[in-house]
Amino acid sequence: MKQDPTRNIAYTVDCEDYVHVVKFSPFDSGNACSLIAYGGNNCVVVATCRFQEEDAEVEGIQFKTLRTFHHGIRVDAIAWSPETRLDALPPQIRFCTAASDRKIRLFTSDLQDKNEFKTFDGHSDYINDLVFAPKDGQEVASVSDDHTCRVWDLEGNEKAHFVLRSPGMSVCWHPEEAFKLMVAEKNGTIRFYDLITQQAILSLECEQTPLMSADWCFKNTLKIGAVAGSDWLIWDITRSSYPQDKRPVHVDRARLFRWSRVNENLFATTGYPGKTTSQLLVHHLGHAQPILTGTAAVGSGLTWHRTLPLCAVGGDHKIFFWVTEM
């Protein structure tokens, strides 16, 4: 657990497996530490971490593995449930994964003897993203290359099914309004659905392709961000269906877009893994140039800490963490 002055990575953690995806829990688990999960070639590791930026008694980073879950197949996406609690007796860990066999797996554990998992079948192609309903955690939404967005209950029953016009790349749930879902398609369209009427209520256009990733701003839900082609794009949904702001950032192609959870002007993007390194850029809307540039060997995944301006990317048996200014 060391600080790494080269390439301005703040911290590096060694991992049990190649890290394909990494995800901080966006929910308060009732513990001072943050929950983080990473997915490898055949396992998911759940851990807690604490940083010196939030606790003066920590030297750098404190990283503690809670449990390794056997997965048996490569993990492509992870979503945390708001029902995860570390302050309960016994504690409860609950998360979902998407895997390369087109199945969703729901894991529930008390970190002792109870370890359950259920499989949700239905998608006929690669699943690109999934998310829990943020209020009660009783539903999961997923999007796939099969041109659908599906909403499931925790038994794996399909509760809603939206037919898309191209592969679904990202899905986000409104943090406050439990019936609003955002779906971003590879063809450059972002649609908002009302889960009660099961109708589209609004759409945004990139006017460029391929859209690879989009995110709903937690601090200001009128803001949407995405990457398409080599650009990042930002919308204010009250003003126009076309982007307010856009900028070319990654030389080859942009891969992921994630808003910070603590500042509505702060976001990060990653480029496609190149032959040796992937580029991470942290942007602030008040600055013309990225405020942080990082590189990670064969980086994958991108996630922001719940309460700190700190983001993480996975790599070859490693997770890299960067700290930025507010």
C-alpha atoms as a PDB file:
ATOM      1  CA  MET A   1       0.000   0.000   0.000  1.00  0.00           C
ATOM      2  CA  LYS A   2       2.433   2.594  -1.194  1.00  0.00           C
ATOM      3  CA  GLN A   3       2.457   6.091  -2.573  1.00  0.00           C
ATOM      4  CA  ASP A   4       3.733   6.178  -6.115  1.00  0.00           C
ATOM      5  CA  PRO A   5       5.366   9.459  -7.163  1.00  0.00           C
ATOM      6  CA  THR A   6       5.883   8.347 -10.769  1.00  0.00           C
ATOM      7  CA  ARG A   7       3.093   9.104 -13.225  1.00  0.00           C
ATOM      8  CA  ASN A   8       1.372  10.942 -10.338  1.00  0.00           C
ATOM      9  CA  ILE A   9      -0.568   7.892  -9.151  1.00  0.00           C
ATOM     10  CA  ALA A  10      -1.370   8.630  -5.499  1.00  0.00           C
ATOM     11  CA  TYR A  11      -1.719   5.008  -4.342  1.00  0.00           C
ATOM     12  CA  THR A  12      -1.395   1.518  -5.769  1.00  0.00           C
ATOM     13  CA  VAL A  13      -2.925  -1.658  -4.332  1.00  0.00           C
ATOM     14  CA  ASP A  14      -1.827  -5.139  -5.367  1.00  0.00           C
ATOM     15  CA  CYS A  15      -4.730  -7.418  -6.318  1.00  0.00           C
ATOM     16  CA  GLU A  16      -5.371 -11.169  -6.466  1.00  0.00           C
ATOM     17  CA  ASP A  17      -6.392 -11.130 -10.108  1.00  0.00           C
ATOM     18  CA  TYR A  18      -6.257  -9.031 -13.263  1.00  0.00           C
ATOM     19  CA  VAL A  19      -8.696  -6.144 -12.626  1.00  0.00           C
ATOM     20  CA  HIS A  20     -11.286  -5.785 -15.400  1.00  0.00           C
ATOM     21  CA  VAL A  21     -13.641  -3.527 -13.461  1.00  0.00           C
ATOM     22  CA  VAL A  22     -13.456  -1.582 -10.203  1.00  0.00           C
ATOM     23  CA  LYS A  23     -16.321   0.088  -8.335  1.00  0.00           C
ATOM     24  CA  PHE A  24     -16.559   2.165  -5.164  1.00  0.00           C
ATOM     25  CA  SER A  25     -19.922   1.765  -3.469  1.00  0.00           C
ATOM     26  CA  PRO A  26     -21.879   4.995  -4.040  1.00  0.00           C
ATOM     27  CA  PHE A  27     -23.929   4.310  -0.883  1.00  0.00           C
ATOM     28  CA  ASP A  28     -23.279   4.912   2.804  1.00  0.00           C
ATOM     29  CA  SER A  29     -22.628   1.510   4.366  1.00  0.00           C
ATOM     30  CA  GLY A  30     -22.675   2.790   7.939  1.00  0.00           C
ATOM     31  CA  ASN A  31     -18.919   2.473   8.314  1.00  0.00           C
ATOM     32  CA  ALA A  32     -16.129   5.069   8.233  1.00  0.00           C
ATOM     33  CA  CYS A  33     -14.371   3.061   5.506  1.00  0.00           C
ATOM     34  CA  SER A  34     -15.415   3.010   1.863  1.00  0.00           C
ATOM     35  CA  LEU A  35     -16.448  -0.200   0.182  1.00  0.00           C
ATOM     36  CA  ILE A  36     -14.782  -1.077  -3.092  1.00  0.00           C
ATOM     37  CA  ALA A  37     -15.169  -4.137  -5.313  1.00  0.00           C
ATOM     38  CA  TYR A  38     -13.089  -5.316  -8.214  1.00  0.00           C
ATOM     39  CA  GLY A  39     -13.781  -7.998 -10.777  1.00  0.00           C
ATOM     40  CA  GLY A  40     -11.153 -10.259 -12.272  1.00  0.00           C
ATOM     41  CA  ASN A  41     -10.982 -13.242 -14.587  1.00  0.00           C
ATOM     42  CA  ASN A  42     -12.868 -15.503 -12.204  1.00  0.00           C
ATOM     43  CA  CYS A  43     -13.521 -13.713  -8.923  1.00  0.00           C
ATOM     44  CA  VAL A  44     -14.951 -10.590  -7.312  1.00  0.00           C
ATOM     45  CA  VAL A  45     -13.043  -9.143  -4.353  1.00  0.00           C
ATOM     46  CA  VAL A  46     -14.862  -6.899  -1.854  1.00  0.00           C
ATOM     47  CA  ALA A  47     -12.690  -4.687   0.337  1.00  0.00           C
ATOM     48  CA  THR A  48     -12.754  -1.589   2.524  1.00  0.00           C
ATOM     49  CA  CYS A  49     -10.412   1.336   2.068  1.00  0.00           C
ATOM     50  CA  ARG A  50      -9.585   4.475   3.966  1.00  0.00           C
ATOM     51  CA  PHE A  51      -7.290   7.282   2.841  1.00  0.00           C
ATOM     52  CA  GLN A  52      -5.068   9.769   4.619  1.00  0.00           C
ATOM     53  CA  GLU A  53      -7.097  12.545   2.946  1.00  0.00           C
ATOM     54  CA  GLU A  54     -10.000  11.644   5.273  1.00  0.00           C
ATOM     55  CA  ASP A  55      -8.208  10.195   8.328  1.00  0.00           C
ATOM     56  CA  ALA A  56      -4.938  11.627   9.643  1.00  0.00           C
ATOM     57  CA  GLU A  57      -4.114   8.326  11.356  1.00  0.00           C
ATOM     58  CA  VAL A  58      -3.959   6.480   8.053  1.00  0.00           C
ATOM     59  CA  GLU A  59      -0.632   6.473   6.295  1.00  0.00           C
ATOM     60  CA  GLY A  60      -1.491   6.724   2.607  1.00  0.00           C
ATOM     61  CA  ILE A  61      -4.150   4.069   2.116  1.00  0.00           C
ATOM     62  CA  GLN A  62      -5.532   1.347   4.339  1.00  0.00           C
ATOM     63  CA  PHE A  63      -6.920  -1.474   2.181  1.00  0.00           C
ATOM     64  CA  LYS A  64      -8.541  -4.541   3.733  1.00  0.00           C
ATOM     65  CA  THR A  65     -10.031  -7.444   1.771  1.00  0.00           C
ATOM     66  CA  LEU A  66     -13.324  -8.592   3.308  1.00  0.00           C
ATOM     67  CA  ARG A  67     -14.078 -11.528   1.020  1.00  0.00           C
ATOM     68  CA  THR A  68     -13.234 -13.053  -2.341  1.00  0.00           C
ATOM     69  CA  PHE A  69     -16.279 -14.371  -4.203  1.00  0.00           C
ATOM     70  CA  HIS A  70     -15.701 -17.150  -6.715  1.00  0.00           C
ATOM     71  CA  HIS A  71     -17.206 -16.081 -10.042  1.00  0.00           C
ATOM     72  CA  GLY A  72     -15.889 -18.710 -12.458  1.00  0.00           C
ATOM     73  CA  ILE A  73     -15.891 -16.369 -15.449  1.00  0.00           C
ATOM     74  CA  ARG A  74     -14.596 -12.911 -16.350  1.00  0.00           C
ATOM     75  CA  VAL A  75     -16.398 -10.035 -14.602  1.00  0.00           C
ATOM     76  CA  ASP A  76     -17.451  -7.224 -16.972  1.00  0.00           C
ATOM     77  CA  ALA A  77     -19.494  -4.925 -14.728  1.00  0.00           C
ATOM     78  CA  ILE A  78     -20.314  -4.534 -11.023  1.00  0.00           C
ATOM     79  CA  ALA A  79     -23.220  -2.697  -9.363  1.00  0.00           C
ATOM     80  CA  TRP A  80     -23.537  -2.123  -5.597  1.00  0.00           C
ATOM     81  CA  SER A  81     -26.846  -2.446  -3.760  1.00  0.00           C
ATOM     82  CA  PRO A  82     -27.926   0.286  -1.306  1.00  0.00           C
ATOM     83  CA  GLU A  83     -28.909  -2.592   1.020  1.00  0.00           C
ATOM     84  CA  THR A  84     -25.226  -3.260   1.704  1.00  0.00           C
ATOM     85  CA  ARG A  85     -24.578  -2.447   5.370  1.00  0.00           C
ATOM     86  CA  LEU A  86     -21.413  -2.940   7.401  1.00  0.00           C
ATOM     87  CA  ASP A  87     -23.022  -1.618  10.609  1.00  0.00           C
ATOM     88  CA  ALA A  88     -25.749  -4.277  10.720  1.00  0.00           C
ATOM     89  CA  LEU A  89     -25.483  -7.488  12.739  1.00  0.00           C
ATOM     90  CA  PRO A  90     -24.681  -9.541  10.855  1.00  0.00           C
ATOM     91  CA  PRO A  91     -23.366  -7.237   8.101  1.00  0.00           C
ATOM     92  CA  GLN A  92     -24.814  -7.555   4.597  1.00  0.00           C
ATOM     93  CA  ILE A  93     -22.897  -7.289   1.346  1.00  0.00           C
ATOM     94  CA  ARG A  94     -25.003  -7.263  -1.809  1.00  0.00           C
ATOM     95  CA  PHE A  95     -23.927  -6.576  -5.384  1.00  0.00           C
ATOM     96  CA  CYS A  96     -24.586  -7.678  -8.952  1.00  0.00           C
ATOM     97  CA  THR A  97     -22.199  -8.591 -11.727  1.00  0.00           C
ATOM     98  CA  ALA A  98     -22.475  -8.883 -15.489  1.00  0.00           C
ATOM     99  CA  ALA A  99     -20.317 -11.530 -17.098  1.00  0.00           C
ATOM    100  CA  SER A 100     -19.172 -12.587 -20.523  1.00  0.00           C
ATOM    101  CA  ASP A 101     -21.736 -15.456 -20.545  1.00  0.00           C
ATOM    102  CA  ARG A 102     -24.551 -12.819 -20.850  1.00  0.00           C
ATOM    103  CA  LYS A 103     -25.825 -13.573 -17.353  1.00  0.00           C
ATOM    104  CA  ILE A 104     -26.347 -11.283 -14.355  1.00  0.00           C
ATOM    105  CA  ARG A 105     -25.370 -12.683 -10.945  1.00  0.00           C
ATOM    106  CA  LEU A 106     -26.726 -11.330  -7.670  1.00  0.00           C
ATOM    107  CA  PHE A 107     -24.480 -11.981  -4.655  1.00  0.00           C
ATOM    108  CA  THR A 108     -25.602 -11.648  -1.037  1.00  0.00           C
ATOM    109  CA  SER A 109     -23.281 -12.385   1.883  1.00  0.00           C
ATOM    110  CA  ASP A 110     -23.044 -11.800   5.641  1.00  0.00           C
ATOM    111  CA  LEU A 111     -19.236 -12.238   5.345  1.00  0.00           C
ATOM    112  CA  GLN A 112     -19.574 -15.406   7.420  1.00  0.00           C
ATOM    113  CA  ASP A 113     -21.570 -18.508   6.509  1.00  0.00           C
ATOM    114  CA  LYS A 114     -24.316 -17.036   4.379  1.00  0.00           C
ATOM    115  CA  ASN A 115     -23.204 -16.636   0.760  1.00  0.00           C
ATOM    116  CA  GLU A 116     -25.984 -16.767  -1.802  1.00  0.00           C
ATOM    117  CA  PHE A 117     -26.061 -16.058  -5.467  1.00  0.00           C
ATOM    118  CA  LYS A 118     -28.798 -15.981  -8.076  1.00  0.00           C
ATOM    119  CA  THR A 119     -28.477 -15.883 -11.850  1.00  0.00           C
ATOM    120  CA  PHE A 120     -30.670 -13.682 -14.077  1.00  0.00           C
ATOM    121  CA  ASP A 121     -31.041 -14.997 -17.629  1.00  0.00           C
ATOM    122  CA  GLY A 122     -32.532 -13.122 -20.556  1.00  0.00           C
ATOM    123  CA  HIS A 123     -29.992 -11.012 -22.398  1.00  0.00           C
ATOM    124  CA  SER A 124     -28.918 -12.577 -25.687  1.00  0.00           C
ATOM    125  CA  ASP A 125     -25.672 -10.610 -26.066  1.00  0.00           C
ATOM    126  CA  TYR A 126     -22.922  -8.907 -24.065  1.00  0.00           C
ATOM    127  CA  ILE A 127     -24.137  -6.852 -21.040  1.00  0.00           C
ATOM    128  CA  ASN A 128     -22.408  -3.465 -20.937  1.00  0.00           C
ATOM    129  CA  ASP A 129     -23.716  -1.918 -17.717  1.00  0.00           C
ATOM    130  CA  LEU A 130     -26.045  -2.495 -14.787  1.00  0.00           C
ATOM    131  CA  VAL A 131     -27.306  -0.527 -11.787  1.00  0.00           C
ATOM    132  CA  PHE A 132     -29.449  -1.035  -8.653  1.00  0.00           C
ATOM    133  CA  ALA A 133     -32.473   1.124  -7.843  1.00  0.00           C
ATOM    134  CA  PRO A 134     -30.762   3.596  -5.475  1.00  0.00           C
ATOM    135  CA  LYS A 135     -33.587   4.062  -2.970  1.00  0.00           C
ATOM    136  CA  ASP A 136     -34.603   0.542  -1.930  1.00  0.00           C
ATOM    137  CA  GLY A 137     -32.344  -1.678  -4.023  1.00  0.00           C
ATOM    138  CA  GLN A 138     -35.241  -3.939  -5.015  1.00  0.00           C
ATOM    139  CA  GLU A 139     -34.650  -3.733  -8.762  1.00  0.00           C
ATOM    140  CA  VAL A 140     -31.693  -3.942 -11.142  1.00  0.00           C
ATOM    141  CA  ALA A 141     -31.524  -2.363 -14.606  1.00  0.00           C
ATOM    142  CA  SER A 142     -29.163  -3.639 -17.320  1.00  0.00           C
ATOM    143  CA  VAL A 143     -28.264  -2.712 -20.901  1.00  0.00           C
ATOM    144  CA  SER A 144     -26.809  -4.938 -23.572  1.00  0.00           C
ATOM    145  CA  ASP A 145     -25.506  -5.307 -27.104  1.00  0.00           C
ATOM    146  CA  ASP A 146     -28.808  -7.143 -27.734  1.00  0.00           C
ATOM    147  CA  HIS A 147     -30.461  -3.681 -28.158  1.00  0.00           C
ATOM    148  CA  THR A 148     -32.461  -3.907 -24.917  1.00  0.00           C
ATOM    149  CA  CYS A 149     -32.635  -2.334 -21.488  1.00  0.00           C
ATOM    150  CA  ARG A 150     -34.210  -4.663 -18.947  1.00  0.00           C
ATOM    151  CA  VAL A 151     -35.367  -4.100 -15.380  1.00  0.00           C
ATOM    152  CA  TRP A 152     -35.340  -7.097 -13.013  1.00  0.00           C
ATOM    153  CA  ASP A 153     -36.560  -7.822  -9.520  1.00  0.00           C
ATOM    154  CA  LEU A 154     -34.191  -9.554  -7.114  1.00  0.00           C
ATOM    155  CA  GLU A 155     -35.615 -12.954  -8.019  1.00  0.00           C
ATOM    156  CA  GLY A 156     -34.475 -12.431 -11.617  1.00  0.00           C
ATOM    157  CA  ASN A 157     -37.953 -11.757 -13.031  1.00  0.00           C
ATOM    158  CA  GLU A 158     -38.089  -9.217 -15.838  1.00  0.00           C
ATOM    159  CA  LYS A 159     -40.230  -6.240 -14.745  1.00  0.00           C
ATOM    160  CA  ALA A 160     -39.684  -3.971 -17.761  1.00  0.00           C
ATOM    161  CA  HIS A 161     -38.141  -4.313 -21.202  1.00  0.00           C
ATOM    162  CA  PHE A 162     -37.198  -1.415 -23.480  1.00  0.00           C
ATOM    163  CA  VAL A 163     -36.221  -2.060 -27.081  1.00  0.00           C
ATOM    164  CA  LEU A 164     -33.316   0.155 -28.155  1.00  0.00           C
ATOM    165  CA  ARG A 165     -32.160   1.146 -31.659  1.00  0.00           C
ATOM    166  CA  SER A 166     -28.536   0.175 -31.059  1.00  0.00           C
ATOM    167  CA  PRO A 167     -26.424  -1.443 -28.295  1.00  0.00           C
ATOM    168  CA  GLY A 168     -27.101  -0.101 -24.795  1.00  0.00           C
ATOM    169  CA  MET A 169     -23.812   1.181 -23.340  1.00  0.00           C
ATOM    170  CA  SER A 170     -24.731   2.842 -20.013  1.00  0.00           C
ATOM    171  CA  VAL A 171     -27.696   2.832 -17.650  1.00  0.00           C
ATOM    172  CA  CYS A 172     -28.208   5.188 -14.678  1.00  0.00           C
ATOM    173  CA  TRP A 173     -31.003   5.515 -12.145  1.00  0.00           C
ATOM    174  CA  HIS A 174     -32.113   8.949 -10.956  1.00  0.00           C
ATOM    175  CA  PRO A 175     -30.761   9.282  -7.382  1.00  0.00           C
ATOM    176  CA  GLU A 176     -33.998  10.811  -6.048  1.00  0.00           C
ATOM    177  CA  GLU A 177     -36.828   9.955  -8.434  1.00  0.00           C
ATOM    178  CA  ALA A 178     -37.068   6.185  -8.351  1.00  0.00           C
ATOM    179  CA  PHE A 179     -39.071   5.883 -11.574  1.00  0.00           C
ATOM    180  CA  LYS A 180     -36.589   7.639 -13.897  1.00  0.00           C
ATOM    181  CA  LEU A 181     -33.966   5.713 -15.823  1.00  0.00           C
ATOM    182  CA  MET A 182     -31.348   6.995 -18.269  1.00  0.00           C
ATOM    183  CA  VAL A 183     -30.157   4.745 -21.106  1.00  0.00           C
ATOM    184  CA  ALA A 184     -27.270   5.675 -23.420  1.00  0.00           C
ATOM    185  CA  GLU A 185     -27.032   3.971 -26.806  1.00  0.00           C
ATOM    186  CA  LYS A 186     -24.000   3.435 -29.004  1.00  0.00           C
ATOM    187  CA  ASN A 187     -25.671   5.346 -31.854  1.00  0.00           C
ATOM    188  CA  GLY A 188     -25.322   8.581 -29.844  1.00  0.00           C
ATOM    189  CA  THR A 189     -28.829   8.820 -28.363  1.00  0.00           C
ATOM    190  CA  ILE A 190     -29.452   9.118 -24.613  1.00  0.00           C
ATOM    191  CA  ARG A 191     -33.051   8.434 -23.571  1.00  0.00           C
ATOM    192  CA  PHE A 192     -34.874   8.874 -20.278  1.00  0.00           C
ATOM    193  CA  TYR A 193     -37.620   6.416 -19.428  1.00  0.00           C
ATOM    194  CA  ASP A 194     -40.503   6.635 -16.990  1.00  0.00           C
ATOM    195  CA  LEU A 195     -40.673   3.221 -15.308  1.00  0.00           C
ATOM    196  CA  ILE A 196     -44.316   3.702 -14.308  1.00  0.00           C
ATOM    197  CA  THR A 197     -45.665   4.351 -17.811  1.00  0.00           C
ATOM    198  CA  GLN A 198     -42.696   2.491 -19.389  1.00  0.00           C
ATOM    199  CA  GLN A 199     -42.417   5.287 -21.958  1.00  0.00           C
ATOM    200  CA  ALA A 200     -39.495   7.427 -23.124  1.00  0.00           C
ATOM    201  CA  ILE A 201     -39.915  10.966 -21.735  1.00  0.00           C
ATOM    202  CA  LEU A 202     -36.883  12.817 -23.126  1.00  0.00           C
ATOM    203  CA  SER A 203     -33.931  12.239 -25.414  1.00  0.00           C
ATOM    204  CA  LEU A 204     -30.519  13.831 -25.970  1.00  0.00           C
ATOM    205  CA  GLU A 205     -28.309  13.601 -29.059  1.00  0.00           C
ATOM    206  CA  CYS A 206     -24.517  13.416 -29.332  1.00  0.00           C
ATOM    207  CA  GLU A 207     -24.539  13.892 -33.108  1.00  0.00           C
ATOM    208  CA  GLN A 208     -21.461  11.688 -33.210  1.00  0.00           C
ATOM    209  CA  THR A 209     -20.658   8.022 -32.706  1.00  0.00           C
ATOM    210  CA  PRO A 210     -19.796   5.696 -31.187  1.00  0.00           C
ATOM    211  CA  LEU A 211     -21.113   6.760 -27.802  1.00  0.00           C
ATOM    212  CA  MET A 212     -19.205   4.477 -25.389  1.00  0.00           C
ATOM    213  CA  SER A 213     -20.228   5.712 -21.942  1.00  0.00           C
ATOM    214  CA  ALA A 214     -22.562   8.216 -20.262  1.00  0.00           C
ATOM    215  CA  ASP A 215     -23.249   9.267 -16.678  1.00  0.00           C
ATOM    216  CA  TRP A 216     -25.872  11.198 -14.715  1.00  0.00           C
ATOM    217  CA  CYS A 217     -24.402  13.863 -12.436  1.00  0.00           C
ATOM    218  CA  PHE A 218     -25.185  12.956  -8.825  1.00  0.00           C
ATOM    219  CA  LYS A 219     -24.608  16.520  -7.522  1.00  0.00           C
ATOM    220  CA  ASN A 220     -26.765  18.136 -10.209  1.00  0.00           C
ATOM    221  CA  THR A 221     -29.210  15.815 -11.942  1.00  0.00           C
ATOM    222  CA  LEU A 222     -29.841  18.328 -14.737  1.00  0.00           C
ATOM    223  CA  LYS A 223     -26.353  17.511 -16.040  1.00  0.00           C
ATOM    224  CA  ILE A 224     -25.497  14.537 -18.225  1.00  0.00           C
ATOM    225  CA  GLY A 225     -22.026  13.702 -19.487  1.00  0.00           C
ATOM    226  CA  ALA A 226     -20.775  11.231 -22.088  1.00  0.00           C
ATOM    227  CA  VAL A 227     -17.875  10.269 -24.302  1.00  0.00           C
ATOM    228  CA  ALA A 228     -18.368   9.654 -28.023  1.00  0.00           C
ATOM    229  CA  GLY A 229     -15.624   9.295 -30.581  1.00  0.00           C
ATOM    230  CA  SER A 230     -12.652  11.062 -29.022  1.00  0.00           C
ATOM    231  CA  ASP A 231     -14.727  13.810 -27.299  1.00  0.00           C
ATOM    232  CA  TRP A 232     -16.421  14.378 -23.989  1.00  0.00           C
ATOM    233  CA  LEU A 233     -19.866  16.004 -24.141  1.00  0.00           C
ATOM    234  CA  ILE A 234     -22.015  17.670 -21.461  1.00  0.00           C
ATOM    235  CA  TRP A 235     -25.756  18.453 -21.563  1.00  0.00           C
ATOM    236  CA  ASP A 236     -28.005  20.598 -19.415  1.00  0.00           C
ATOM    237  CA  ILE A 237     -31.307  18.784 -19.931  1.00  0.00           C
ATOM    238  CA  THR A 238     -33.368  21.927 -19.256  1.00  0.00           C
ATOM    239  CA  ARG A 239     -31.743  23.793 -22.144  1.00  0.00           C
ATOM    240  CA  SER A 240     -31.299  21.640 -25.215  1.00  0.00           C
ATOM    241  CA  SER A 241     -31.193  18.103 -26.517  1.00  0.00           C
ATOM    242  CA  TYR A 242     -27.765  18.953 -27.972  1.00  0.00           C
ATOM    243  CA  PRO A 243     -24.582  19.228 -25.914  1.00  0.00           C
ATOM    244  CA  GLN A 244     -23.862  22.470 -24.042  1.00  0.00           C
ATOM    245  CA  ASP A 245     -20.158  21.801 -24.126  1.00  0.00           C
ATOM    246  CA  LYS A 246     -17.848  19.346 -25.833  1.00  0.00           C
ATOM    247  CA  ARG A 247     -14.137  18.900 -26.284  1.00  0.00           C
ATOM    248  CA  PRO A 248     -11.798  16.424 -27.958  1.00  0.00           C
ATOM    249  CA  VAL A 249      -9.722  14.707 -25.298  1.00  0.00           C
ATOM    250  CA  HIS A 250      -8.382  11.296 -26.202  1.00  0.00           C
ATOM    251  CA  VAL A 251      -6.248  10.914 -29.291  1.00  0.00           C
ATOM    252  CA  ASP A 252      -7.601   7.535 -30.386  1.00  0.00           C
ATOM    253  CA  ARG A 253     -11.002   7.081 -28.761  1.00  0.00           C
ATOM    254  CA  ALA A 254     -12.582   7.802 -25.409  1.00  0.00           C
ATOM    255  CA  ARG A 255     -13.856   4.845 -23.437  1.00  0.00           C
ATOM    256  CA  LEU A 256     -15.453   5.871 -20.098  1.00  0.00           C
ATOM    257  CA  PHE A 257     -17.047   8.970 -18.543  1.00  0.00           C
ATOM    258  CA  ARG A 258     -17.697   9.330 -14.796  1.00  0.00           C
ATOM    259  CA  TRP A 259     -18.839  12.352 -12.806  1.00  0.00           C
ATOM    260  CA  SER A 260     -17.245  13.004  -9.439  1.00  0.00           C
ATOM    261  CA  ARG A 261     -19.675  12.398  -6.561  1.00  0.00           C
ATOM    262  CA  VAL A 262     -18.543  15.524  -4.697  1.00  0.00           C
ATOM    263  CA  ASN A 263     -18.383  18.317  -7.275  1.00  0.00           C
ATOM    264  CA  GLU A 264     -20.741  18.908 -10.200  1.00  0.00           C
ATOM    265  CA  ASN A 265     -17.927  20.415 -12.303  1.00  0.00           C
ATOM    266  CA  LEU A 266     -15.467  17.550 -11.862  1.00  0.00           C
ATOM    267  CA  PHE A 267     -15.398  14.434 -14.050  1.00  0.00           C
ATOM    268  CA  ALA A 268     -12.992  11.879 -15.431  1.00  0.00           C
ATOM    269  CA  THR A 269     -12.577  10.148 -18.786  1.00  0.00           C
ATOM    270  CA  THR A 270     -10.415   7.278 -19.945  1.00  0.00           C
ATOM    271  CA  GLY A 271      -9.046   6.452 -23.375  1.00  0.00           C
ATOM    272  CA  TYR A 272      -8.949   3.037 -24.959  1.00  0.00           C
ATOM    273  CA  PRO A 273      -6.217   0.801 -23.563  1.00  0.00           C
ATOM    274  CA  GLY A 274      -3.319   1.323 -25.973  1.00  0.00           C
ATOM    275  CA  LYS A 275      -0.526  -1.117 -26.595  1.00  0.00           C
ATOM    276  CA  THR A 276       1.029  -0.309 -23.237  1.00  0.00           C
ATOM    277  CA  THR A 277      -0.950   2.288 -21.312  1.00  0.00           C
ATOM    278  CA  SER A 278      -4.394   3.768 -20.874  1.00  0.00           C
ATOM    279  CA  GLN A 279      -4.853   7.443 -20.294  1.00  0.00           C
ATOM    280  CA  LEU A 280      -6.946   8.842 -17.442  1.00  0.00           C
ATOM    281  CA  LEU A 281      -7.924  12.512 -17.628  1.00  0.00           C
ATOM    282  CA  VAL A 282      -9.622  14.466 -14.852  1.00  0.00           C
ATOM    283  CA  HIS A 283     -11.471  17.557 -16.063  1.00  0.00           C
ATOM    284  CA  HIS A 284     -12.962  20.588 -14.337  1.00  0.00           C
ATOM    285  CA  LEU A 285     -15.526  22.632 -16.257  1.00  0.00           C
ATOM    286  CA  GLY A 286     -13.824  25.843 -15.084  1.00  0.00           C
ATOM    287  CA  HIS A 287     -10.531  24.859 -16.755  1.00  0.00           C
ATOM    288  CA  ALA A 288      -9.738  24.640 -20.451  1.00  0.00           C
ATOM    289  CA  GLN A 289      -7.195  21.831 -19.981  1.00  0.00           C
ATOM    290  CA  PRO A 290      -7.474  18.608 -17.946  1.00  0.00           C
ATOM    291  CA  ILE A 291      -6.419  19.244 -14.341  1.00  0.00           C
ATOM    292  CA  LEU A 292      -4.847  15.793 -14.025  1.00  0.00           C
ATOM    293  CA  THR A 293      -3.389  13.363 -16.549  1.00  0.00           C
ATOM    294  CA  GLY A 294      -2.620   9.836 -15.458  1.00  0.00           C
ATOM    295  CA  THR A 295      -1.524   6.681 -17.190  1.00  0.00           C
ATOM    296  CA  ALA A 296      -2.070   3.104 -16.102  1.00  0.00           C
ATOM    297  CA  ALA A 297      -0.673  -0.012 -17.744  1.00  0.00           C
ATOM    298  CA  VAL A 298      -3.635  -1.716 -19.477  1.00  0.00           C
ATOM    299  CA  GLY A 299      -6.138   0.212 -17.371  1.00  0.00           C
ATOM    300  CA  SER A 300      -9.791  -0.756 -17.200  1.00  0.00           C
ATOM    301  CA  GLY A 301     -12.759   0.515 -15.261  1.00  0.00           C
ATOM    302  CA  LEU A 302     -13.150   3.951 -13.681  1.00  0.00           C
ATOM    303  CA  THR A 303     -14.806   4.856 -10.378  1.00  0.00           C
ATOM    304  CA  TRP A 304     -15.026   7.849  -8.013  1.00  0.00           C
ATOM    305  CA  HIS A 305     -14.931   7.768  -4.217  1.00  0.00           C
ATOM    306  CA  ARG A 306     -18.256   8.638  -2.541  1.00  0.00           C
ATOM    307  CA  THR A 307     -16.976  11.607  -0.513  1.00  0.00           C
ATOM    308  CA  LEU A 308     -13.464  12.465  -1.766  1.00  0.00           C
ATOM    309  CA  PRO A 309     -12.189  13.883  -5.087  1.00  0.00           C
ATOM    310  CA  LEU A 310     -10.412  10.584  -5.668  1.00  0.00           C
ATOM    311  CA  CYS A 311     -10.807   8.119  -8.516  1.00  0.00           C
ATOM    312  CA  ALA A 312      -9.561   4.618  -9.256  1.00  0.00           C
ATOM    313  CA  VAL A 313      -8.742   2.562 -12.351  1.00  0.00           C
ATOM    314  CA  GLY A 314      -7.961  -1.163 -12.514  1.00  0.00           C
ATOM    315  CA  GLY A 315      -4.911  -2.757 -14.149  1.00  0.00           C
ATOM    316  CA  ASP A 316      -2.797  -5.892 -14.252  1.00  0.00           C
ATOM    317  CA  HIS A 317      -3.169  -7.275 -10.691  1.00  0.00           C
ATOM    318  CA  LYS A 318      -3.371  -3.675  -9.453  1.00  0.00           C
ATOM    319  CA  ILE A 319      -5.741  -0.829  -8.649  1.00  0.00           C
ATOM    320  CA  PHE A 320      -4.428   2.701  -9.164  1.00  0.00           C
ATOM    321  CA  PHE A 321      -5.831   5.672  -7.225  1.00  0.00           C
ATOM    322  CA  TRP A 322      -5.509   9.359  -8.111  1.00  0.00           C
ATOM    323  CA  VAL A 323      -6.357  12.282  -5.836  1.00  0.00           C
ATOM    324  CA  THR A 324      -7.316  15.607  -7.365  1.00  0.00           C
ATOM    325  CA  GLU A 325      -8.211  19.067  -6.120  1.00  0.00           C
ATOM    326  CA  MET A 326     -11.805  20.165  -5.700  1.00  0.00           C
END
